[in-house]
Amino acid sequence: MNDLNYEVWKFLTQARADYLSGIPEGELRRISCDMSLGSPEGGSREEQVYLTYEELRCTCKPVAELLEAGR
Protein backbone atom coordinates (compact mmCIF):
# COMPACT_ATOMS: atom_id res chain seq x y z
CA MET A 1 0.00 0.00 0.00
CA ASN A 2 1.40 3.37 -0.98
CA ASP A 3 0.04 6.10 1.26
CA LEU A 4 1.48 9.47 0.27
CA ASN A 5 0.07 11.08 3.40
CA TYR A 6 2.29 8.92 5.61
CA GLU A 7 5.56 10.69 6.30
CA VAL A 8 8.37 9.63 8.62
CA TRP A 9 10.26 12.59 9.99
CA LYS A 10 14.00 12.25 9.61
CA PHE A 11 14.81 15.42 11.50
CA LEU A 12 13.36 17.09 14.58
CA THR A 13 13.36 20.80 15.25
CA GLN A 14 14.97 21.90 18.50
CA ALA A 15 11.50 22.72 19.89
CA ARG A 16 10.17 19.23 19.05
CA ALA A 17 13.28 17.58 20.52
CA ASP A 18 12.82 19.64 23.70
CA TYR A 19 9.20 18.52 23.95
CA LEU A 20 9.94 14.83 23.36
CA SER A 21 12.93 14.70 25.71
CA GLY A 22 11.48 16.79 28.53
CA ILE A 23 14.83 18.56 28.83
CA PRO A 24 14.61 22.37 28.96
CA GLU A 25 15.36 24.07 25.63
CA GLY A 26 18.57 25.83 26.61
CA GLU A 27 19.98 22.75 28.30
CA LEU A 28 19.26 20.42 25.38
CA ARG A 29 20.81 22.92 22.96
CA ARG A 30 23.92 23.20 25.16
CA ILE A 31 24.30 19.42 25.45
CA SER A 32 23.82 18.83 21.72
CA CYS A 33 26.33 21.60 20.88
CA ASP A 34 28.87 20.19 23.37
CA MET A 35 28.51 16.79 21.71
CA SER A 36 28.65 18.33 18.19
CA LEU A 37 25.22 16.92 17.37
CA GLY A 38 22.57 18.54 15.24
CA SER A 39 22.54 20.38 11.96
CA PRO A 40 22.30 24.17 12.20
CA GLU A 41 20.22 25.95 9.57
CA GLY A 42 20.87 29.65 9.27
CA GLY A 43 18.27 32.05 8.06
CA SER A 44 17.13 35.60 8.36
CA ARG A 45 15.92 34.85 11.89
CA GLU A 46 17.60 32.98 14.72
CA GLU A 47 19.54 29.88 13.72
CA GLN A 48 17.45 26.69 13.95
CA VAL A 49 19.04 23.38 14.94
CA TYR A 50 17.69 20.08 13.63
CA LEU A 51 18.42 16.73 15.24
CA THR A 52 17.90 13.20 13.97
CA TYR A 53 16.17 10.74 16.28
CA GLU A 54 19.53 9.02 16.81
CA GLU A 55 21.17 12.33 17.77
CA LEU A 56 18.32 13.00 20.20
CA ARG A 57 18.86 9.57 21.75
CA CYS A 58 22.60 10.22 22.07
CA THR A 59 21.88 13.60 23.66
CA CYS A 60 19.40 12.20 26.18
CA LYS A 61 21.47 9.17 27.20
CA PRO A 62 24.04 11.07 29.34
CA VAL A 63 21.26 13.05 31.01
CA ALA A 64 19.39 9.84 31.86
CA GLU A 65 22.58 8.31 33.26
CA LEU A 66 23.18 11.38 35.46
CA LEU A 67 19.63 11.23 36.76
CA GLU A 68 19.95 7.51 37.44
CA ALA A 69 23.25 8.01 39.29
CA GLY A 70 21.65 10.69 41.47
CA ARG A 71 19.06 8.30 42.86
PDB file of N, CA and C in Angstrom:
ATOM      1  N   MET A   1       0.841  -1.174   0.000  1.00  0.00           N
ATOM      2  CA  MET A   1       0.000   0.000   0.000  1.00  0.00           C
ATOM      3  C   MET A   1       0.885   1.237   0.000  1.00  0.00           C
ATOM      4  N   ASN A   2       0.620   2.153  -0.876  1.00  0.00           N
ATOM      5  CA  ASN A   2       1.401   3.372  -0.983  1.00  0.00           C
ATOM      6  C   ASN A   2       0.556   4.551  -0.519  1.00  0.00           C
ATOM      7  N   ASP A   3       0.791   4.989   0.701  1.00  0.00           N
ATOM      8  CA  ASP A   3       0.036   6.101   1.265  1.00  0.00           C
ATOM      9  C   ASP A   3       0.916   7.343   1.260  1.00  0.00           C
ATOM     10  N   LEU A   4       0.649   8.276   0.386  1.00  0.00           N
ATOM     11  CA  LEU A   4       1.476   9.466   0.271  1.00  0.00           C
ATOM     12  C   LEU A   4       1.314  10.412   1.452  1.00  0.00           C
ATOM     13  N   ASN A   5       0.273  10.240   2.242  1.00  0.00           N
ATOM     14  CA  ASN A   5       0.075  11.085   3.402  1.00  0.00           C
ATOM     15  C   ASN A   5       0.922  10.642   4.596  1.00  0.00           C
ATOM     16  N   TYR A   6       1.480   9.441   4.523  1.00  0.00           N
ATOM     17  CA  TYR A   6       2.293   8.916   5.610  1.00  0.00           C
ATOM     18  C   TYR A   6       3.719   9.407   5.423  1.00  0.00           C
ATOM     19  N   GLU A   7       4.221  10.132   6.391  1.00  0.00           N
ATOM     20  CA  GLU A   7       5.561  10.686   6.298  1.00  0.00           C
ATOM     21  C   GLU A   7       6.318  10.407   7.591  1.00  0.00           C
ATOM     22  N   VAL A   8       7.514   9.867   7.462  1.00  0.00           N
ATOM     23  CA  VAL A   8       8.368   9.628   8.622  1.00  0.00           C
ATOM     24  C   VAL A   8       9.345  10.793   8.694  1.00  0.00           C
ATOM     25  N   TRP A   9       9.349  11.477   9.825  1.00  0.00           N
ATOM     26  CA  TRP A   9      10.262  12.591   9.993  1.00  0.00           C
ATOM     27  C   TRP A   9      11.675  12.069  10.193  1.00  0.00           C
ATOM     28  N   LYS A  10      12.607  12.622   9.445  1.00  0.00           N
ATOM     29  CA  LYS A  10      14.003  12.249   9.609  1.00  0.00           C
ATOM     30  C   LYS A  10      14.701  13.195  10.568  1.00  0.00           C
ATOM     31  N   PHE A  11      14.200  14.419  10.644  1.00  0.00           N
ATOM     32  CA  PHE A  11      14.809  15.423  11.502  1.00  0.00           C
ATOM     33  C   PHE A  11      13.770  16.034  12.424  1.00  0.00           C
ATOM     34  N   LEU A  12      14.215  16.423  13.605  1.00  0.00           N
ATOM     35  CA  LEU A  12      13.363  17.090  14.581  1.00  0.00           C
ATOM     36  C   LEU A  12      13.861  18.518  14.758  1.00  0.00           C
ATOM     37  N   THR A  13      12.956  19.450  14.885  1.00  0.00           N
ATOM     38  CA  THR A  13      13.361  20.798  15.249  1.00  0.00           C
ATOM     39  C   THR A  13      13.793  20.783  16.704  1.00  0.00           C
ATOM     40  N   GLN A  14      14.528  21.801  17.103  1.00  0.00           N
ATOM     41  CA  GLN A  14      14.966  21.901  18.501  1.00  0.00           C
ATOM     42  C   GLN A  14      13.756  21.917  19.437  1.00  0.00           C
ATOM     43  N   ALA A  15      12.704  22.639  19.048  1.00  0.00           N
ATOM     44  CA  ALA A  15      11.503  22.719  19.890  1.00  0.00           C
ATOM     45  C   ALA A  15      10.856  21.344  20.055  1.00  0.00           C
ATOM     46  N   ARG A  16      10.766  20.569  18.979  1.00  0.00           N
ATOM     47  CA  ARG A  16      10.171  19.229  19.052  1.00  0.00           C
ATOM     48  C   ARG A  16      11.042  18.299  19.899  1.00  0.00           C
ATOM     49  N   ALA A  17      12.359  18.399  19.729  1.00  0.00           N
ATOM     50  CA  ALA A  17      13.278  17.580  20.518  1.00  0.00           C
ATOM     51  C   ALA A  17      13.151  17.922  21.997  1.00  0.00           C
ATOM     52  N   ASP A  18      13.011  19.223  22.312  1.00  0.00           N
ATOM     53  CA  ASP A  18      12.818  19.643  23.703  1.00  0.00           C
ATOM     54  C   ASP A  18      11.556  19.012  24.279  1.00  0.00           C
ATOM     55  N   TYR A  19      10.495  19.066  23.507  1.00  0.00           N
ATOM     56  CA  TYR A  19       9.203  18.523  23.953  1.00  0.00           C
ATOM     57  C   TYR A  19       9.288  17.010  24.191  1.00  0.00           C
ATOM     58  N   LEU A  20       9.876  16.289  23.243  1.00  0.00           N
ATOM     59  CA  LEU A  20       9.944  14.831  23.360  1.00  0.00           C
ATOM     60  C   LEU A  20      10.871  14.378  24.485  1.00  0.00           C
ATOM     61  N   SER A  21      11.952  15.117  24.708  1.00  0.00           N
ATOM     62  CA  SER A  21      12.926  14.702  25.715  1.00  0.00           C
ATOM     63  C   SER A  21      12.546  15.145  27.117  1.00  0.00           C
ATOM     64  N   GLY A  22      11.808  16.242  27.221  1.00  0.00           N
ATOM     65  CA  GLY A  22      11.483  16.787  28.534  1.00  0.00           C
ATOM     66  C   GLY A  22      12.626  17.580  29.145  1.00  0.00           C
ATOM     67  N   ILE A  23      13.692  17.780  28.372  1.00  0.00           N
ATOM     68  CA  ILE A  23      14.835  18.559  28.826  1.00  0.00           C
ATOM     69  C   ILE A  23      14.594  20.007  28.413  1.00  0.00           C
ATOM     70  N   PRO A  24      14.827  20.967  29.320  1.00  0.00           N
ATOM     71  CA  PRO A  24      14.610  22.374  28.962  1.00  0.00           C
ATOM     72  C   PRO A  24      15.401  22.780  27.719  1.00  0.00           C
ATOM     73  N   GLU A  25      14.817  23.690  26.935  1.00  0.00           N
ATOM     74  CA  GLU A  25      15.364  24.065  25.627  1.00  0.00           C
ATOM     75  C   GLU A  25      16.838  24.464  25.673  1.00  0.00           C
ATOM     76  N   GLY A  26      17.188  25.373  26.550  1.00  0.00           N
ATOM     77  CA  GLY A  26      18.567  25.834  26.613  1.00  0.00           C
ATOM     78  C   GLY A  26      19.540  24.726  26.969  1.00  0.00           C
ATOM     79  N   GLU A  27      19.125  23.853  27.863  1.00  0.00           N
ATOM     80  CA  GLU A  27      19.981  22.755  28.303  1.00  0.00           C
ATOM     81  C   GLU A  27      20.187  21.739  27.184  1.00  0.00           C
ATOM     82  N   LEU A  28      19.130  21.374  26.481  1.00  0.00           N
ATOM     83  CA  LEU A  28      19.256  20.418  25.385  1.00  0.00           C
ATOM     84  C   LEU A  28      20.137  20.990  24.278  1.00  0.00           C
ATOM     85  N   ARG A  29      19.975  22.269  23.987  1.00  0.00           N
ATOM     86  CA  ARG A  29      20.809  22.916  22.965  1.00  0.00           C
ATOM     87  C   ARG A  29      22.278  22.898  23.386  1.00  0.00           C
ATOM     88  N   ARG A  30      22.544  23.198  24.654  1.00  0.00           N
ATOM     89  CA  ARG A  30      23.922  23.204  25.159  1.00  0.00           C
ATOM     90  C   ARG A  30      24.545  21.813  25.059  1.00  0.00           C
ATOM     91  N   ILE A  31      23.792  20.797  25.490  1.00  0.00           N
ATOM     92  CA  ILE A  31      24.298  19.421  25.446  1.00  0.00           C
ATOM     93  C   ILE A  31      24.573  18.989  24.008  1.00  0.00           C
ATOM     94  N   SER A  32      23.635  19.247  23.116  1.00  0.00           N
ATOM     95  CA  SER A  32      23.821  18.828  21.722  1.00  0.00           C
ATOM     96  C   SER A  32      24.993  19.568  21.072  1.00  0.00           C
ATOM     97  N   CYS A  33      25.186  20.847  21.418  1.00  0.00           N
ATOM     98  CA  CYS A  33      26.329  21.599  20.879  1.00  0.00           C
ATOM     99  C   CYS A  33      27.637  21.054  21.443  1.00  0.00           C
ATOM    100  N   ASP A  34      27.662  20.754  22.750  1.00  0.00           N
ATOM    101  CA  ASP A  34      28.866  20.193  23.369  1.00  0.00           C
ATOM    102  C   ASP A  34      29.254  18.863  22.732  1.00  0.00           C
ATOM    103  N   MET A  35      28.259  18.093  22.316  1.00  0.00           N
ATOM    104  CA  MET A  35      28.509  16.788  21.712  1.00  0.00           C
ATOM    105  C   MET A  35      28.633  16.877  20.183  1.00  0.00           C
ATOM    106  N   SER A  36      28.583  18.093  19.644  1.00  0.00           N
ATOM    107  CA  SER A  36      28.646  18.331  18.188  1.00  0.00           C
ATOM    108  C   SER A  36      27.562  17.561  17.444  1.00  0.00           C
ATOM    109  N   LEU A  37      26.355  17.583  18.001  1.00  0.00           N
ATOM    110  CA  LEU A  37      25.216  16.919  17.370  1.00  0.00           C
ATOM    111  C   LEU A  37      24.260  17.976  16.843  1.00  0.00           C
ATOM    112  N   GLY A  38      23.543  17.627  15.815  1.00  0.00           N
ATOM    113  CA  GLY A  38      22.568  18.543  15.239  1.00  0.00           C
ATOM    114  C   GLY A  38      23.114  19.232  14.009  1.00  0.00           C
ATOM    115  N   SER A  39      22.199  19.684  13.182  1.00  0.00           N
ATOM    116  CA  SER A  39      22.545  20.380  11.956  1.00  0.00           C
ATOM    117  C   SER A  39      21.963  21.781  12.006  1.00  0.00           C
ATOM    118  N   PRO A  40      22.820  22.800  12.161  1.00  0.00           N
ATOM    119  CA  PRO A  40      22.299  24.170  12.202  1.00  0.00           C
ATOM    120  C   PRO A  40      21.843  24.638  10.828  1.00  0.00           C
ATOM    121  N   GLU A  41      20.758  25.359  10.796  1.00  0.00           N
ATOM    122  CA  GLU A  41      20.217  25.951   9.573  1.00  0.00           C
ATOM    123  C   GLU A  41      20.112  27.438   9.811  1.00  0.00           C
ATOM    124  N   GLY A  42      20.917  28.206   9.121  1.00  0.00           N
ATOM    125  CA  GLY A  42      20.873  29.653   9.274  1.00  0.00           C
ATOM    126  C   GLY A  42      19.770  30.244   8.421  1.00  0.00           C
ATOM    127  N   GLY A  43      19.318  31.366   8.808  1.00  0.00           N
ATOM    128  CA  GLY A  43      18.271  32.047   8.059  1.00  0.00           C
ATOM    129  C   GLY A  43      18.254  33.501   8.451  1.00  0.00           C
ATOM    130  N   SER A  44      17.238  34.190   8.034  1.00  0.00           N
ATOM    131  CA  SER A  44      17.131  35.603   8.361  1.00  0.00           C
ATOM    132  C   SER A  44      16.828  35.800   9.842  1.00  0.00           C
ATOM    133  N   ARG A  45      16.216  34.785  10.449  1.00  0.00           N
ATOM    134  CA  ARG A  45      15.924  34.852  11.886  1.00  0.00           C
ATOM    135  C   ARG A  45      16.981  34.068  12.642  1.00  0.00           C
ATOM    136  N   GLU A  46      16.687  33.744  13.880  1.00  0.00           N
ATOM    137  CA  GLU A  46      17.605  32.984  14.720  1.00  0.00           C
ATOM    138  C   GLU A  46      17.896  31.622  14.090  1.00  0.00           C
ATOM    139  N   GLU A  47      19.128  31.163  14.263  1.00  0.00           N
ATOM    140  CA  GLU A  47      19.540  29.880  13.720  1.00  0.00           C
ATOM    141  C   GLU A  47      18.723  28.744  14.338  1.00  0.00           C
ATOM    142  N   GLN A  48      18.236  27.847  13.518  1.00  0.00           N
ATOM    143  CA  GLN A  48      17.445  26.690  13.955  1.00  0.00           C
ATOM    144  C   GLN A  48      18.340  25.455  13.895  1.00  0.00           C
ATOM    145  N   VAL A  49      18.262  24.617  14.904  1.00  0.00           N
ATOM    146  CA  VAL A  49      19.037  23.383  14.943  1.00  0.00           C
ATOM    147  C   VAL A  49      18.086  22.211  14.749  1.00  0.00           C
ATOM    148  N   TYR A  50      18.467  21.287  13.884  1.00  0.00           N
ATOM    149  CA  TYR A  50      17.688  20.081  13.627  1.00  0.00           C
ATOM    150  C   TYR A  50      18.485  18.882  14.095  1.00  0.00           C
ATOM    151  N   LEU A  51      17.807  17.949  14.751  1.00  0.00           N
ATOM    152  CA  LEU A  51      18.420  16.726  15.238  1.00  0.00           C
ATOM    153  C   LEU A  51      17.746  15.520  14.600  1.00  0.00           C
ATOM    154  N   THR A  52      18.509  14.466  14.366  1.00  0.00           N
ATOM    155  CA  THR A  52      17.897  13.203  13.972  1.00  0.00           C
ATOM    156  C   THR A  52      17.429  12.511  15.243  1.00  0.00           C
ATOM    157  N   TYR A  53      16.612  11.494  15.104  1.00  0.00           N
ATOM    158  CA  TYR A  53      16.170  10.744  16.278  1.00  0.00           C
ATOM    159  C   TYR A  53      17.363  10.090  16.980  1.00  0.00           C
ATOM    160  N   GLU A  54      18.338   9.631  16.218  1.00  0.00           N
ATOM    161  CA  GLU A  54      19.528   9.015  16.805  1.00  0.00           C
ATOM    162  C   GLU A  54      20.334  10.052  17.590  1.00  0.00           C
ATOM    163  N   GLU A  55      20.465  11.271  17.045  1.00  0.00           N
ATOM    164  CA  GLU A  55      21.166  12.333  17.766  1.00  0.00           C
ATOM    165  C   GLU A  55      20.425  12.698  19.050  1.00  0.00           C
ATOM    166  N   LEU A  56      19.104  12.716  18.999  1.00  0.00           N
ATOM    167  CA  LEU A  56      18.322  12.997  20.197  1.00  0.00           C
ATOM    168  C   LEU A  56      18.555  11.912  21.247  1.00  0.00           C
ATOM    169  N   ARG A  57      18.591  10.673  20.823  1.00  0.00           N
ATOM    170  CA  ARG A  57      18.858   9.566  21.746  1.00  0.00           C
ATOM    171  C   ARG A  57      20.238   9.709  22.369  1.00  0.00           C
ATOM    172  N   CYS A  58      21.239  10.043  21.559  1.00  0.00           N
ATOM    173  CA  CYS A  58      22.603  10.220  22.065  1.00  0.00           C
ATOM    174  C   CYS A  58      22.698  11.403  23.029  1.00  0.00           C
ATOM    175  N   THR A  59      21.892  12.425  22.796  1.00  0.00           N
ATOM    176  CA  THR A  59      21.876  13.596  23.659  1.00  0.00           C
ATOM    177  C   THR A  59      21.215  13.269  24.993  1.00  0.00           C
ATOM    178  N   CYS A  60      20.155  12.500  24.958  1.00  0.00           N
ATOM    179  CA  CYS A  60      19.402  12.195  26.182  1.00  0.00           C
ATOM    180  C   CYS A  60      20.074  11.135  27.052  1.00  0.00           C
ATOM    181  N   LYS A  61      20.861  10.270  26.452  1.00  0.00           N
ATOM    182  CA  LYS A  61      21.466   9.169  27.198  1.00  0.00           C
ATOM    183  C   LYS A  61      22.323   9.649  28.368  1.00  0.00           C
ATOM    184  N   PRO A  62      23.256  10.616  28.183  1.00  0.00           N
ATOM    185  CA  PRO A  62      24.045  11.068  29.336  1.00  0.00           C
ATOM    186  C   PRO A  62      23.188  11.716  30.430  1.00  0.00           C
ATOM    187  N   VAL A  63      22.152  12.424  30.035  1.00  0.00           N
ATOM    188  CA  VAL A  63      21.264  13.051  31.015  1.00  0.00           C
ATOM    189  C   VAL A  63      20.553  11.978  31.832  1.00  0.00           C
ATOM    190  N   ALA A  64      20.068  10.946  31.163  1.00  0.00           N
ATOM    191  CA  ALA A  64      19.390   9.843  31.860  1.00  0.00           C
ATOM    192  C   ALA A  64      20.347   9.132  32.818  1.00  0.00           C
ATOM    193  N   GLU A  65      21.597   8.962  32.393  1.00  0.00           N
ATOM    194  CA  GLU A  65      22.584   8.308  33.259  1.00  0.00           C
ATOM    195  C   GLU A  65      22.880   9.162  34.491  1.00  0.00           C
ATOM    196  N   LEU A  66      22.968  10.485  34.316  1.00  0.00           N
ATOM    197  CA  LEU A  66      23.184  11.378  35.460  1.00  0.00           C
ATOM    198  C   LEU A  66      22.017  11.318  36.442  1.00  0.00           C
ATOM    199  N   LEU A  67      20.808  11.314  35.896  1.00  0.00           N
ATOM    200  CA  LEU A  67      19.633  11.232  36.757  1.00  0.00           C
ATOM    201  C   LEU A  67      19.588   9.897  37.498  1.00  0.00           C
ATOM    202  N   GLU A  68      19.952   8.826  36.823  1.00  0.00           N
ATOM    203  CA  GLU A  68      19.954   7.510  37.441  1.00  0.00           C
ATOM    204  C   GLU A  68      21.018   7.431  38.539  1.00  0.00           C
ATOM    205  N   ALA A  69      22.175   8.030  38.308  1.00  0.00           N
ATOM    206  CA  ALA A  69      23.247   8.010  39.293  1.00  0.00           C
ATOM    207  C   ALA A  69      22.893   8.829  40.529  1.00  0.00           C
ATOM    208  N   GLY A  70      22.047   9.832  40.359  1.00  0.00           N
ATOM    209  CA  GLY A  70      21.650  10.693  41.469  1.00  0.00           C
ATOM    210  C   GLY A  70      20.628  10.075  42.391  1.00  0.00           C
ATOM    211  N   ARG A  71      20.085   8.943  42.029  1.00  0.00           N
ATOM    212  CA  ARG A  71      19.060   8.300  42.858  1.00  0.00           C
ATOM    213  C   ARG A  71      19.628   7.573  44.004  1.00  0.00           C
TER     214      ARG A  71
END
